[in-house]
Amino acid sequence: MEQKKGSGESFSIRPARESECDLILGFIRELAEYEKLLHEVEATEEMIRSNIFEKHLAEVVFAELDGSPVGFALFFHNFSTFVGRPGIYLEDLFVKPAFRGRGYGKQLLIYLAKLAKERGCGRFEWAVLNWNEDAISFYRSLGARPMFKWTVYRLDGRELDKVAALPGLKGDK
């Protein structure tokens, strides 16, 4: 997807390449810093290479202005049993602060919405931090709506280890 801006700038969105694991990690760290969560980033370039490019557990696209990355989106497929079709779950969307307000985040969302339709997905979902009013306002302007009846739960770290270590039914590992 490429479009020319009136000022002669060229904007495009393209899939990430395996050689760009450092760039992906850089965007992840910038997003985490913006969200005041940099201390929680455990990802490494090798983890990104393994999980995204070798195991294909997620995908990344870059928004570029004149060939330079200015934003990214990391997403993966989920599945809705009620809809009976896959969906796209957007894990991360980030546009560098100097390039915000130009429509690049919106273009990333449009790209992913079109991709969801092309892949036969029934849903396109993501989560947003409650304090991020700018993002909430932006998403609502596109017609996205919060899922008030749902609360996200998470097991990680010690709690995940603890539950995974519980004995299963007789004969289970």
C-alpha atoms as a PDB file:
ATOM      1  CA  MET A   1       0.000   0.000   0.000  1.00  0.00           C
ATOM      2  CA  GLU A   2       1.573   3.263  -1.103  1.00  0.00           C
ATOM      3  CA  GLN A   3       0.268   6.754  -1.511  1.00  0.00           C
ATOM      4  CA  LYS A   4       1.831  10.071  -2.413  1.00  0.00           C
ATOM      5  CA  LYS A   5       1.253  12.969  -0.075  1.00  0.00           C
ATOM      6  CA  GLY A   6       0.672  16.436  -1.476  1.00  0.00           C
ATOM      7  CA  SER A   7       4.114  17.586  -0.357  1.00  0.00           C
ATOM      8  CA  GLY A   8       5.830  14.943  -2.478  1.00  0.00           C
ATOM      9  CA  GLU A   9       6.296  12.595   0.481  1.00  0.00           C
ATOM     10  CA  SER A  10       5.725   8.905  -0.157  1.00  0.00           C
ATOM     11  CA  PHE A  11       3.859   6.938   2.532  1.00  0.00           C
ATOM     12  CA  SER A  12       3.647   3.142   2.482  1.00  0.00           C
ATOM     13  CA  ILE A  13       2.889   0.156   4.676  1.00  0.00           C
ATOM     14  CA  ARG A  14       4.850  -3.055   4.277  1.00  0.00           C
ATOM     15  CA  PRO A  15       5.509  -6.310   6.130  1.00  0.00           C
ATOM     16  CA  ALA A  16       8.600  -6.478   8.324  1.00  0.00           C
ATOM     17  CA  ARG A  17      11.573  -8.543   7.208  1.00  0.00           C
ATOM     18  CA  GLU A  18      13.498 -10.993   9.379  1.00  0.00           C
ATOM     19  CA  SER A  19      16.574  -8.760   9.158  1.00  0.00           C
ATOM     20  CA  GLU A  20      14.590  -6.039  11.006  1.00  0.00           C
ATOM     21  CA  CYS A  21      14.216  -7.692  14.419  1.00  0.00           C
ATOM     22  CA  ASP A  22      16.239  -4.852  15.946  1.00  0.00           C
ATOM     23  CA  LEU A  23      13.847  -2.303  14.424  1.00  0.00           C
ATOM     24  CA  ILE A  24      10.811  -4.200  15.737  1.00  0.00           C
ATOM     25  CA  LEU A  25      12.341  -4.345  19.212  1.00  0.00           C
ATOM     26  CA  GLY A  26      13.103  -0.634  18.999  1.00  0.00           C
ATOM     27  CA  PHE A  27       9.457   0.153  18.289  1.00  0.00           C
ATOM     28  CA  ILE A  28       8.341  -2.164  21.109  1.00  0.00           C
ATOM     29  CA  ARG A  29      10.655  -0.330  23.500  1.00  0.00           C
ATOM     30  CA  GLU A  30       9.444   3.102  22.305  1.00  0.00           C
ATOM     31  CA  LEU A  31       5.833   2.028  22.826  1.00  0.00           C
ATOM     32  CA  ALA A  32       6.623   0.644  26.273  1.00  0.00           C
ATOM     33  CA  GLU A  33       8.375   3.872  27.212  1.00  0.00           C
ATOM     34  CA  TYR A  34       5.346   5.893  26.071  1.00  0.00           C
ATOM     35  CA  GLU A  35       3.091   3.629  28.163  1.00  0.00           C
ATOM     36  CA  LYS A  36       5.450   3.938  31.142  1.00  0.00           C
ATOM     37  CA  LEU A  37       6.028   0.174  31.000  1.00  0.00           C
ATOM     38  CA  LEU A  38       9.609  -0.041  29.706  1.00  0.00           C
ATOM     39  CA  HIS A  39      10.593  -1.965  32.845  1.00  0.00           C
ATOM     40  CA  GLU A  40       8.278  -4.804  31.711  1.00  0.00           C
ATOM     41  CA  VAL A  41       9.913  -5.405  28.318  1.00  0.00           C
ATOM     42  CA  GLU A  42      11.575  -8.817  28.300  1.00  0.00           C
ATOM     43  CA  ALA A  43      11.600  -9.303  24.514  1.00  0.00           C
ATOM     44  CA  THR A  44      14.914  -9.778  22.715  1.00  0.00           C
ATOM     45  CA  GLU A  45      15.791  -9.754  19.038  1.00  0.00           C
ATOM     46  CA  GLU A  46      16.209 -13.536  19.146  1.00  0.00           C
ATOM     47  CA  MET A  47      12.742 -13.987  20.701  1.00  0.00           C
ATOM     48  CA  ILE A  48      11.274 -11.807  17.967  1.00  0.00           C
ATOM     49  CA  ARG A  49      13.120 -13.737  15.248  1.00  0.00           C
ATOM     50  CA  SER A  50      12.020 -17.080  16.643  1.00  0.00           C
ATOM     51  CA  ASN A  51       8.384 -16.269  17.385  1.00  0.00           C
ATOM     52  CA  ILE A  52       7.551 -13.987  14.465  1.00  0.00           C
ATOM     53  CA  PHE A  53       9.704 -15.200  11.599  1.00  0.00           C
ATOM     54  CA  GLU A  54      10.365 -18.857  12.413  1.00  0.00           C
ATOM     55  CA  LYS A  55       7.220 -19.959  14.273  1.00  0.00           C
ATOM     56  CA  HIS A  56       4.965 -17.358  12.554  1.00  0.00           C
ATOM     57  CA  LEU A  57       3.057 -16.641  15.778  1.00  0.00           C
ATOM     58  CA  ALA A  58       2.605 -12.956  14.956  1.00  0.00           C
ATOM     59  CA  GLU A  59       3.112 -10.495  12.115  1.00  0.00           C
ATOM     60  CA  VAL A  60       4.520  -6.971  11.927  1.00  0.00           C
ATOM     61  CA  VAL A  61       3.987  -4.189   9.421  1.00  0.00           C
ATOM     62  CA  PHE A  62       5.797  -0.880   9.207  1.00  0.00           C
ATOM     63  CA  ALA A  63       4.388   2.481   8.197  1.00  0.00           C
ATOM     64  CA  GLU A  64       7.083   4.273   6.201  1.00  0.00           C
ATOM     65  CA  LEU A  65       7.523   7.828   5.077  1.00  0.00           C
ATOM     66  CA  ASP A  66       9.963   8.137   2.184  1.00  0.00           C
ATOM     67  CA  GLY A  67      11.318   4.682   3.072  1.00  0.00           C
ATOM     68  CA  SER A  68      11.907   5.429   6.772  1.00  0.00           C
ATOM     69  CA  PRO A  69       9.808   3.615   9.384  1.00  0.00           C
ATOM     70  CA  VAL A  70       7.604   6.014  11.368  1.00  0.00           C
ATOM     71  CA  GLY A  71       5.177   3.506  12.895  1.00  0.00           C
ATOM     72  CA  PHE A  72       4.445  -0.169  13.314  1.00  0.00           C
ATOM     73  CA  ALA A  73       1.704  -2.637  14.116  1.00  0.00           C
ATOM     74  CA  LEU A  74       2.160  -6.113  15.601  1.00  0.00           C
ATOM     75  CA  PHE A  75      -0.805  -8.473  15.289  1.00  0.00           C
ATOM     76  CA  PHE A  76      -1.826 -12.129  15.237  1.00  0.00           C
ATOM     77  CA  HIS A  77      -4.842 -14.284  14.516  1.00  0.00           C
ATOM     78  CA  ASN A  78      -7.285 -15.402  17.152  1.00  0.00           C
ATOM     79  CA  PHE A  79     -10.510 -17.345  16.660  1.00  0.00           C
ATOM     80  CA  SER A  80     -14.109 -16.613  17.605  1.00  0.00           C
ATOM     81  CA  THR A  81     -16.141 -19.706  18.340  1.00  0.00           C
ATOM     82  CA  PHE A  82     -19.345 -17.640  18.233  1.00  0.00           C
ATOM     83  CA  VAL A  83     -18.582 -16.140  14.824  1.00  0.00           C
ATOM     84  CA  GLY A  84     -16.953 -19.367  13.632  1.00  0.00           C
ATOM     85  CA  ARG A  85     -14.120 -17.485  11.945  1.00  0.00           C
ATOM     86  CA  PRO A  86     -10.682 -16.137  12.733  1.00  0.00           C
ATOM     87  CA  GLY A  87     -10.040 -12.591  13.814  1.00  0.00           C
ATOM     88  CA  ILE A  88      -7.091 -10.269  13.941  1.00  0.00           C
ATOM     89  CA  TYR A  89      -5.893  -9.150  17.339  1.00  0.00           C
ATOM     90  CA  LEU A  90      -3.778  -5.998  17.300  1.00  0.00           C
ATOM     91  CA  GLU A  91      -1.221  -6.299  20.085  1.00  0.00           C
ATOM     92  CA  ASP A  92       0.706  -3.088  19.410  1.00  0.00           C
ATOM     93  CA  LEU A  93       0.175   0.035  17.322  1.00  0.00           C
ATOM     94  CA  PHE A  94       2.679   2.863  17.592  1.00  0.00           C
ATOM     95  CA  VAL A  95       3.529   5.950  15.584  1.00  0.00           C
ATOM     96  CA  LYS A  96       6.594   7.951  16.571  1.00  0.00           C
ATOM     97  CA  PRO A  97       5.558  11.178  18.345  1.00  0.00           C
ATOM     98  CA  ALA A  98       7.055  13.452  15.665  1.00  0.00           C
ATOM     99  CA  PHE A  99       4.783  11.840  13.051  1.00  0.00           C
ATOM    100  CA  ARG A 100       1.491  11.762  14.945  1.00  0.00           C
ATOM    101  CA  GLY A 101      -1.537  13.665  13.729  1.00  0.00           C
ATOM    102  CA  ARG A 102      -0.796  12.958  10.072  1.00  0.00           C
ATOM    103  CA  GLY A 103      -3.105   9.971   9.696  1.00  0.00           C
ATOM    104  CA  TYR A 104      -0.436   7.260   9.769  1.00  0.00           C
ATOM    105  CA  GLY A 105      -2.012   5.401  12.699  1.00  0.00           C
ATOM    106  CA  LYS A 106      -5.338   5.508  10.891  1.00  0.00           C
ATOM    107  CA  GLN A 107      -3.677   4.141   7.754  1.00  0.00           C
ATOM    108  CA  LEU A 108      -2.246   1.228   9.772  1.00  0.00           C
ATOM    109  CA  LEU A 109      -5.713   0.433  11.129  1.00  0.00           C
ATOM    110  CA  ILE A 110      -7.247   0.649   7.646  1.00  0.00           C
ATOM    111  CA  TYR A 111      -4.536  -1.668   6.320  1.00  0.00           C
ATOM    112  CA  LEU A 112      -5.271  -4.227   9.053  1.00  0.00           C
ATOM    113  CA  ALA A 113      -9.049  -3.933   8.615  1.00  0.00           C
ATOM    114  CA  LYS A 114      -8.633  -4.651   4.897  1.00  0.00           C
ATOM    115  CA  LEU A 115      -6.299  -7.546   5.698  1.00  0.00           C
ATOM    116  CA  ALA A 116      -8.901  -8.938   8.106  1.00  0.00           C
ATOM    117  CA  LYS A 117     -11.546  -8.803   5.378  1.00  0.00           C
ATOM    118  CA  GLU A 118      -9.178 -10.416   2.813  1.00  0.00           C
ATOM    119  CA  ARG A 119      -8.440 -13.244   5.250  1.00  0.00           C
ATOM    120  CA  GLY A 120     -12.114 -13.875   6.008  1.00  0.00           C
ATOM    121  CA  CYS A 121     -11.907 -12.611   9.568  1.00  0.00           C
ATOM    122  CA  GLY A 122     -15.050 -11.775  11.485  1.00  0.00           C
ATOM    123  CA  ARG A 123     -13.420  -9.440  14.006  1.00  0.00           C
ATOM    124  CA  PHE A 124     -10.573  -6.974  14.469  1.00  0.00           C
ATOM    125  CA  GLU A 125      -9.862  -6.318  18.135  1.00  0.00           C
ATOM    126  CA  TRP A 126      -7.351  -4.680  20.465  1.00  0.00           C
ATOM    127  CA  ALA A 127      -6.985  -3.357  23.988  1.00  0.00           C
ATOM    128  CA  VAL A 128      -6.146   0.171  25.084  1.00  0.00           C
ATOM    129  CA  LEU A 129      -4.879   1.456  28.415  1.00  0.00           C
ATOM    130  CA  ASN A 130      -7.681   3.233  30.289  1.00  0.00           C
ATOM    131  CA  TRP A 131      -5.626   6.411  30.771  1.00  0.00           C
ATOM    132  CA  ASN A 132      -4.806   6.803  27.061  1.00  0.00           C
ATOM    133  CA  GLU A 133      -7.589   9.258  26.222  1.00  0.00           C
ATOM    134  CA  ASP A 134      -6.009  10.270  22.895  1.00  0.00           C
ATOM    135  CA  ALA A 135      -6.045   6.675  21.671  1.00  0.00           C
ATOM    136  CA  ILE A 136      -9.554   6.053  23.009  1.00  0.00           C
ATOM    137  CA  SER A 137     -10.860   9.144  21.242  1.00  0.00           C
ATOM    138  CA  PHE A 138      -9.094   8.125  18.029  1.00  0.00           C
ATOM    139  CA  TYR A 139     -10.507   4.582  18.102  1.00  0.00           C
ATOM    140  CA  ARG A 140     -14.022   5.812  18.841  1.00  0.00           C
ATOM    141  CA  SER A 141     -13.782   8.254  15.904  1.00  0.00           C
ATOM    142  CA  LEU A 142     -13.393   5.189  13.667  1.00  0.00           C
ATOM    143  CA  GLY A 143     -16.453   3.523  15.145  1.00  0.00           C
ATOM    144  CA  ALA A 144     -14.621   1.116  17.449  1.00  0.00           C
ATOM    145  CA  ARG A 145     -16.429   0.462  20.698  1.00  0.00           C
ATOM    146  CA  PRO A 146     -15.271  -0.723  24.102  1.00  0.00           C
ATOM    147  CA  MET A 147     -16.421  -4.122  25.292  1.00  0.00           C
ATOM    148  CA  PHE A 148     -17.795  -3.051  28.686  1.00  0.00           C
ATOM    149  CA  LYS A 149     -19.219  -6.470  29.524  1.00  0.00           C
ATOM    150  CA  TRP A 150     -15.780  -8.104  29.276  1.00  0.00           C
ATOM    151  CA  THR A 151     -12.782  -7.930  31.594  1.00  0.00           C
ATOM    152  CA  VAL A 152      -9.382  -9.125  30.414  1.00  0.00           C
ATOM    153  CA  TYR A 153      -7.656 -11.615  32.712  1.00  0.00           C
ATOM    154  CA  ARG A 154      -4.027 -12.630  32.557  1.00  0.00           C
ATOM    155  CA  LEU A 155      -1.732 -15.272  33.984  1.00  0.00           C
ATOM    156  CA  ASP A 156       1.966 -14.518  33.688  1.00  0.00           C
ATOM    157  CA  GLY A 157       5.214 -14.954  35.566  1.00  0.00           C
ATOM    158  CA  ARG A 158       4.944 -16.944  38.763  1.00  0.00           C
ATOM    159  CA  GLU A 159       1.186 -17.383  38.476  1.00  0.00           C
ATOM    160  CA  LEU A 160       1.492 -18.901  34.992  1.00  0.00           C
ATOM    161  CA  ASP A 161       4.243 -21.237  36.209  1.00  0.00           C
ATOM    162  CA  LYS A 162       2.114 -22.247  39.197  1.00  0.00           C
ATOM    163  CA  VAL A 163      -1.001 -23.096  37.145  1.00  0.00           C
ATOM    164  CA  ALA A 164       1.031 -24.887  34.463  1.00  0.00           C
ATOM    165  CA  ALA A 165       2.570 -27.066  37.195  1.00  0.00           C
ATOM    166  CA  LEU A 166      -0.804 -28.210  38.563  1.00  0.00           C
ATOM    167  CA  PRO A 167      -1.575 -31.856  37.942  1.00  0.00           C
ATOM    168  CA  GLY A 168      -3.976 -32.566  35.101  1.00  0.00           C
ATOM    169  CA  LEU A 169      -6.431 -35.386  34.882  1.00  0.00           C
ATOM    170  CA  LYS A 170      -5.077 -38.893  35.293  1.00  0.00           C
ATOM    171  CA  GLY A 171      -2.938 -39.648  32.254  1.00  0.00           C
ATOM    172  CA  ASP A 172      -2.299 -36.003  31.371  1.00  0.00           C
ATOM    173  CA  LYS A 173       1.202 -34.604  31.375  1.00  0.00           C
END
